[in-house]
Amino acid sequence: MARSVRPWLAGIKSTVAAAILLTLLASPAAASTGGAGTAAADPPPPGSPSGAPAAEPPSAGVLSLLSARTSPRRSFFYGVRNPSLRFEIESTQAQNDLQIDVVDSAGEVVRSFYRNDVAPHAPLTIRWDGTTAEGRPARNGRYSFRIGVQGASASLARLAGDSSEPPSLGFALYDYAFPVLGPHSFGGPANRFGAPRAGHTHQGQDILAPCGAAEVAARGGTVQYAGYEANAGNYVVIDGKGTGFDFMYAHLAEPSPLKAGDPVRTGQPIGVVGETGDAVGCHLHFEIWTAPGWYEGGSPIDPLPYLEKWDRYS
């Protein structure tokens, strides 16, 4: 329940916090955000190029899939790991012009990838960066990859030995991650946005959680501030990628190893819940600020409706 005041701008490094963060990245909790095995601030592999349809009329044999796998099953926009499809085809033809679509739950195509002259038994990987064909972030929801022949939507590849249906290659994509992993609550009226404080009102929402619970970035972007302030304790502020919002996380148990200018991915661990600064009990004090940003002319808004939405699918 920190009072939000302009903090020191100097970043504070901590080898202890770095060790904690790297441990979190390798933990099952980090795996639930699609972040397992990725070092702090490392970018994920880029999304695959779309490619272009074959210059000549597309050609392909009778297709089947030797293997097909989608991972992870849950991803976040600008996240640690992009949705990825790895597959191999069998075909009656030596070269095949393929179209790999990302389709939403209604069956509508949101993005297509073209691969020409694909040989049987040659592994292929497609990574989707979560953007539509128009370059906009895709909506929250269920999606799946669909593999077929270019220009022949009815000719979908099926698993070898199973001619009934295409394989299930579904996954979920979300635009935000809930910022605390594990058990938590939103407390009572005193923990809400706008609750009275001495000489001001509460500018965020408290998320009560056990000391040491993992905290992740609700939205990736760039670290704007990181350091310590008497009221906020150890804190991080992230300028959210493509949102116009800044997100502030206060009372971390240790200084975050992240520093101003570092890239952060949605769902990436950024620290652990603590009670540093002017805190009563372990919790994350979470703020959302409108453009142009946190103490840069923006204003705090009530985070609770957003947090409740993110909590429902986390």
Protein backbone atom coordinates (compact mmCIF):
# COMPACT_ATOMS: atom_id res chain seq x y z
CA MET A 1 0.00 0.00 0.00
CA ALA A 2 2.70 2.40 -1.01
CA ARG A 3 2.33 6.10 -1.50
CA SER A 4 3.34 6.87 -5.08
CA VAL A 5 5.92 9.64 -5.27
CA ARG A 6 8.62 10.34 -7.82
CA PRO A 7 11.39 7.78 -7.05
CA TRP A 8 15.13 7.98 -7.45
CA LEU A 9 16.08 7.51 -11.07
CA ALA A 10 19.24 5.56 -10.41
CA GLY A 11 18.92 1.80 -11.08
CA ILE A 12 20.16 -0.56 -8.38
CA LYS A 13 21.80 -3.86 -9.36
CA SER A 14 21.72 -6.91 -7.14
CA THR A 15 23.44 -10.21 -7.71
CA VAL A 16 21.06 -11.79 -5.19
CA ALA A 17 18.05 -10.59 -7.16
CA ALA A 18 19.64 -11.75 -10.39
CA ALA A 19 20.07 -15.23 -8.97
CA ILE A 20 16.44 -15.24 -7.81
CA LEU A 21 15.27 -14.17 -11.25
CA LEU A 22 17.29 -16.79 -13.07
CA THR A 23 15.95 -19.44 -10.69
CA LEU A 24 12.40 -18.32 -11.45
CA LEU A 25 13.03 -18.54 -15.16
CA ALA A 26 13.86 -22.22 -14.83
CA SER A 27 10.98 -23.03 -12.48
CA PRO A 28 7.59 -24.61 -13.23
CA ALA A 29 5.99 -21.26 -12.43
CA ALA A 30 7.98 -19.64 -15.23
CA ALA A 31 6.97 -22.48 -17.53
CA SER A 32 3.31 -21.55 -17.00
CA THR A 33 3.99 -18.21 -18.68
CA GLY A 34 5.75 -19.76 -21.65
CA GLY A 35 9.07 -18.51 -20.28
CA ALA A 36 10.96 -21.62 -19.21
CA GLY A 37 14.59 -21.76 -20.22
CA THR A 38 14.88 -18.16 -21.44
CA ALA A 39 17.52 -15.94 -19.83
CA ALA A 40 16.52 -12.60 -18.37
CA ALA A 41 15.89 -9.94 -21.03
CA ASP A 42 16.94 -12.24 -23.88
CA PRO A 43 14.66 -11.78 -26.89
CA PRO A 44 12.80 -14.83 -28.18
CA PRO A 45 13.49 -16.11 -31.70
CA PRO A 46 11.81 -13.70 -34.13
CA GLY A 47 8.54 -14.48 -35.82
CA SER A 48 8.85 -16.29 -39.14
CA PRO A 49 8.65 -14.30 -42.38
CA SER A 50 5.34 -14.73 -44.17
CA GLY A 51 6.92 -15.66 -47.47
CA ALA A 52 5.03 -15.37 -50.76
CA PRO A 53 2.87 -17.70 -52.80
CA ALA A 54 4.53 -19.65 -55.58
CA ALA A 55 5.15 -17.61 -58.74
CA GLU A 56 3.73 -20.41 -60.90
CA PRO A 57 0.45 -22.13 -60.12
CA PRO A 58 1.05 -23.94 -56.83
CA SER A 59 1.79 -27.63 -56.98
CA ALA A 60 1.75 -30.37 -54.35
CA GLY A 61 1.24 -34.09 -54.09
CA VAL A 62 -1.09 -35.95 -51.79
CA LEU A 63 -0.02 -34.70 -48.37
CA SER A 64 0.14 -36.32 -44.98
CA LEU A 65 1.94 -35.30 -41.81
CA LEU A 66 4.69 -37.45 -40.39
CA SER A 67 4.71 -35.23 -37.30
CA ALA A 68 3.27 -31.92 -36.12
CA ARG A 69 3.64 -30.18 -32.78
CA THR A 70 2.61 -26.79 -31.41
CA SER A 71 4.31 -25.17 -28.40
CA PRO A 72 3.77 -23.60 -25.97
CA ARG A 73 0.07 -24.21 -25.50
CA ARG A 74 -0.32 -20.75 -23.93
CA SER A 75 1.49 -17.66 -25.18
CA PHE A 76 1.42 -13.91 -24.68
CA PHE A 77 1.74 -11.09 -27.19
CA TYR A 78 5.32 -9.79 -27.09
CA GLY A 79 6.00 -12.71 -24.80
CA VAL A 80 9.00 -14.80 -23.91
CA ARG A 81 8.06 -17.49 -26.42
CA ASN A 82 6.10 -17.12 -29.64
CA PRO A 83 3.58 -19.80 -30.64
CA SER A 84 5.56 -22.27 -32.70
CA LEU A 85 4.69 -25.09 -35.10
CA ARG A 86 7.20 -27.77 -36.05
CA PHE A 87 6.20 -30.35 -38.66
CA GLU A 88 7.32 -32.78 -41.37
CA ILE A 89 5.29 -33.85 -44.38
CA GLU A 90 5.00 -36.98 -46.47
CA SER A 91 3.96 -36.46 -50.08
CA THR A 92 3.59 -38.26 -53.39
CA GLN A 93 5.53 -35.37 -54.95
CA ALA A 94 9.18 -34.31 -54.52
CA GLN A 95 8.39 -30.59 -54.11
CA ASN A 96 5.28 -29.09 -52.53
CA ASP A 97 3.93 -25.54 -52.23
CA LEU A 98 2.46 -25.24 -48.74
CA GLN A 99 0.29 -22.69 -46.95
CA ILE A 100 0.30 -22.61 -43.15
CA ASP A 101 -2.57 -20.57 -41.71
CA VAL A 102 -3.20 -19.29 -38.21
CA VAL A 103 -6.94 -19.52 -37.68
CA ASP A 104 -9.07 -18.23 -34.83
CA SER A 105 -11.79 -20.13 -32.95
CA ALA A 106 -14.33 -19.17 -35.64
CA GLY A 107 -12.12 -20.61 -38.38
CA GLU A 108 -11.14 -17.23 -39.77
CA VAL A 109 -7.59 -16.89 -41.10
CA VAL A 110 -5.66 -14.17 -39.24
CA ARG A 111 -2.20 -14.80 -40.72
CA SER A 112 -0.76 -16.99 -43.50
CA PHE A 113 2.73 -18.31 -44.15
CA TYR A 114 3.86 -19.60 -47.54
CA ARG A 115 6.60 -22.15 -48.09
CA ASN A 116 7.47 -23.24 -51.61
CA ASP A 117 9.17 -26.39 -52.93
CA VAL A 118 9.04 -28.18 -49.58
CA ALA A 119 10.50 -31.67 -49.75
CA PRO A 120 9.09 -34.64 -47.82
CA HIS A 121 10.82 -35.46 -44.52
CA ALA A 122 12.32 -31.92 -44.27
CA PRO A 123 11.51 -30.43 -40.79
CA LEU A 124 9.95 -26.97 -40.90
CA THR A 125 9.29 -24.49 -38.09
CA ILE A 126 6.82 -21.59 -38.17
CA ARG A 127 6.83 -19.02 -35.35
CA TRP A 128 3.93 -16.59 -35.13
CA ASP A 129 4.63 -13.22 -33.49
CA GLY A 130 0.95 -12.68 -32.60
CA THR A 131 0.22 -10.07 -35.27
CA THR A 132 -2.49 -10.24 -37.91
CA ALA A 133 -1.97 -9.92 -41.66
CA GLU A 134 -2.50 -6.16 -41.15
CA GLY A 135 0.29 -6.01 -38.56
CA ARG A 136 -2.01 -5.49 -35.56
CA PRO A 137 -1.89 -7.53 -32.35
CA ALA A 138 -4.32 -10.44 -32.56
CA ARG A 139 -7.19 -10.58 -30.08
CA ASN A 140 -7.23 -12.76 -26.99
CA GLY A 141 -8.46 -16.23 -27.73
CA ARG A 142 -7.92 -19.72 -29.01
CA TYR A 143 -6.02 -20.24 -32.26
CA SER A 144 -4.61 -23.13 -34.24
CA PHE A 145 -2.17 -23.77 -37.05
CA ARG A 146 -3.53 -25.30 -40.27
CA ILE A 147 -1.27 -26.93 -42.85
CA GLY A 148 -2.34 -27.39 -46.46
CA VAL A 149 -1.69 -26.80 -50.15
CA GLN A 150 -1.50 -23.22 -51.40
CA GLY A 151 -4.79 -22.07 -52.85
CA ALA A 152 -6.62 -25.22 -51.81
CA SER A 153 -8.18 -24.64 -48.41
CA ALA A 154 -10.00 -27.97 -48.59
CA SER A 155 -6.72 -29.86 -49.06
CA LEU A 156 -5.50 -29.95 -45.46
CA ALA A 157 -2.70 -32.23 -44.38
CA ARG A 158 -3.73 -35.11 -42.11
CA LEU A 159 -1.60 -37.29 -39.93
CA ALA A 160 -0.05 -40.25 -41.68
CA GLY A 161 -2.24 -43.31 -41.14
CA ASP A 162 -5.27 -41.20 -40.15
CA SER A 163 -7.31 -39.89 -43.07
CA SER A 164 -10.24 -38.66 -40.98
CA GLU A 165 -9.26 -35.23 -39.61
CA PRO A 166 -6.37 -32.76 -39.59
CA PRO A 167 -4.33 -32.83 -36.36
CA SER A 168 -5.23 -30.62 -33.43
CA LEU A 169 -2.62 -27.85 -33.33
CA GLY A 170 -4.39 -25.42 -31.03
CA PHE A 171 -3.04 -22.90 -28.53
CA ALA A 172 -4.14 -19.79 -26.64
CA LEU A 173 -2.79 -16.27 -27.14
CA TYR A 174 -3.30 -13.47 -24.60
CA ASP A 175 -2.28 -9.83 -24.65
CA TYR A 176 -1.53 -9.54 -20.90
CA ALA A 177 -0.33 -11.85 -18.12
CA PHE A 178 -1.52 -11.70 -14.53
CA PRO A 179 1.46 -10.22 -12.65
CA VAL A 180 1.62 -12.66 -9.68
CA LEU A 181 2.05 -16.42 -10.04
CA GLY A 182 0.40 -18.61 -7.43
CA PRO A 183 -2.21 -17.98 -4.69
CA HIS A 184 -3.28 -14.36 -4.25
CA SER A 185 -6.17 -12.09 -3.35
CA PHE A 186 -7.17 -8.47 -3.87
CA GLY A 187 -7.70 -7.75 -0.18
CA GLY A 188 -10.40 -5.39 1.01
CA PRO A 189 -11.44 -1.75 0.55
CA ALA A 190 -8.14 -0.44 1.96
CA ASN A 191 -6.26 -2.19 -0.86
CA ARG A 192 -8.30 -0.65 -3.66
CA PHE A 193 -7.51 2.18 -6.03
CA GLY A 194 -8.69 5.48 -4.53
CA ALA A 195 -8.61 4.27 -0.92
CA PRO A 196 -7.80 7.14 1.47
CA ARG A 197 -4.24 7.63 2.64
CA ALA A 198 -2.64 10.37 4.72
CA GLY A 199 -2.75 13.42 2.46
CA HIS A 200 -3.53 11.49 -0.75
CA THR A 201 -5.37 8.50 -2.18
CA HIS A 202 -4.14 5.03 -3.11
CA GLN A 203 -3.02 5.11 -6.75
CA GLY A 204 -2.92 1.37 -7.40
CA GLN A 205 -4.30 -2.02 -6.49
CA ASP A 206 -2.67 -4.32 -3.94
CA ILE A 207 -2.34 -8.01 -4.79
CA LEU A 208 -1.82 -9.93 -1.56
CA ALA A 209 0.43 -12.95 -2.01
CA PRO A 210 2.99 -14.99 -0.03
CA CYS A 211 6.42 -13.50 0.41
CA GLY A 212 8.66 -14.77 -2.38
CA ALA A 213 5.88 -15.42 -4.90
CA ALA A 214 7.03 -14.83 -8.46
CA GLU A 215 6.11 -11.58 -10.20
CA VAL A 216 5.99 -11.33 -13.99
CA ALA A 217 5.54 -8.47 -16.44
CA ALA A 218 1.84 -7.96 -17.15
CA ARG A 219 2.89 -6.48 -20.49
CA GLY A 220 6.33 -6.51 -22.02
CA GLY A 221 8.08 -3.39 -23.17
CA THR A 222 11.01 -1.36 -21.88
CA VAL A 223 12.07 -0.72 -18.30
CA GLN A 224 11.55 2.98 -17.60
CA TYR A 225 12.71 3.07 -13.97
CA ALA A 226 14.09 0.55 -11.51
CA GLY A 227 15.38 1.27 -8.04
CA TYR A 228 14.38 1.95 -4.44
CA GLU A 229 12.17 4.61 -2.87
CA ALA A 230 11.19 4.93 0.78
CA ASN A 231 7.48 4.39 0.15
CA ALA A 232 7.53 2.10 -2.89
CA GLY A 233 10.49 0.03 -1.70
CA ASN A 234 12.13 -1.93 -4.51
CA TYR A 235 10.16 -1.09 -7.64
CA VAL A 236 10.10 -1.46 -11.43
CA VAL A 237 8.25 0.65 -14.01
CA ILE A 238 7.71 -0.81 -17.50
CA ASP A 239 6.59 1.14 -20.55
CA GLY A 240 4.11 -1.32 -22.12
CA LYS A 241 4.79 -2.28 -25.72
CA GLY A 242 2.14 -0.81 -28.02
CA THR A 243 -0.25 0.11 -25.19
CA GLY A 244 0.27 3.74 -24.20
CA PHE A 245 0.33 2.50 -20.59
CA ASP A 246 3.11 2.38 -18.01
CA PHE A 247 2.99 -0.38 -15.38
CA MET A 248 4.49 0.04 -11.91
CA TYR A 249 5.38 -2.83 -9.55
CA ALA A 250 6.31 -1.96 -5.94
CA HIS A 251 7.54 -3.62 -2.71
CA LEU A 252 9.70 -6.28 -4.43
CA ALA A 253 11.61 -8.38 -1.90
CA GLU A 254 14.93 -7.63 -3.61
CA PRO A 255 16.07 -5.05 -6.15
CA SER A 256 15.23 -6.31 -9.62
CA PRO A 257 18.25 -7.06 -11.80
CA LEU A 258 16.47 -5.19 -14.58
CA LYS A 259 17.60 -1.64 -15.26
CA ALA A 260 16.32 1.33 -17.24
CA GLY A 261 16.36 0.59 -20.95
CA ASP A 262 16.20 -3.20 -20.62
CA PRO A 263 13.69 -5.00 -22.84
CA VAL A 264 11.09 -7.06 -20.99
CA ARG A 265 8.71 -9.66 -22.41
CA THR A 266 5.10 -10.26 -21.38
CA GLY A 267 5.12 -12.99 -18.73
CA GLN A 268 8.84 -12.64 -18.02
CA PRO A 269 9.76 -12.91 -14.31
CA ILE A 270 10.85 -9.52 -12.96
CA GLY A 271 11.22 -10.20 -9.23
CA VAL A 272 9.42 -11.62 -6.20
CA VAL A 273 6.72 -10.37 -3.83
CA GLY A 274 8.01 -8.64 -0.70
CA GLU A 275 7.17 -5.90 1.79
CA THR A 276 9.95 -3.37 1.28
CA GLY A 277 9.30 0.34 1.67
CA ASP A 278 6.07 1.52 3.30
CA ALA A 279 4.31 -1.84 3.06
CA VAL A 280 2.10 -3.69 5.52
CA GLY A 281 2.50 -7.39 4.79
CA CYS A 282 3.76 -9.02 1.61
CA HIS A 283 1.99 -7.85 -1.53
CA LEU A 284 2.49 -6.38 -4.96
CA HIS A 285 1.37 -2.77 -5.28
CA PHE A 286 0.43 -2.49 -8.98
CA GLU A 287 -0.30 0.72 -10.89
CA ILE A 288 -1.40 1.50 -14.46
CA TRP A 289 -0.71 4.97 -15.86
CA THR A 290 -2.10 6.50 -19.03
CA ALA A 291 0.00 8.22 -21.70
CA PRO A 292 2.33 10.01 -21.76
CA GLY A 293 3.40 7.95 -18.77
CA TRP A 294 4.21 7.54 -15.10
CA TYR A 295 4.90 10.98 -13.61
CA GLU A 296 5.36 12.29 -17.16
CA GLY A 297 1.92 13.86 -17.53
CA GLY A 298 -0.17 10.69 -17.40
CA SER A 299 -2.69 9.72 -14.76
CA PRO A 300 -3.17 6.56 -12.69
CA ILE A 301 -6.28 4.52 -13.43
CA ASP A 302 -8.00 1.74 -11.51
CA PRO A 303 -6.12 -1.49 -12.33
CA LEU A 304 -8.67 -3.85 -10.74
CA PRO A 305 -10.92 -4.41 -13.80
CA TYR A 306 -7.85 -5.28 -15.86
CA LEU A 307 -6.39 -7.53 -13.17
CA GLU A 308 -9.67 -9.41 -12.76
CA LYS A 309 -9.83 -10.02 -16.51
CA TRP A 310 -6.24 -11.28 -16.66
CA ASP A 311 -6.79 -13.42 -13.57
CA ARG A 312 -9.66 -15.31 -15.23
CA TYR A 313 -7.42 -16.90 -17.86
CA SER A 314 -4.24 -17.21 -15.82
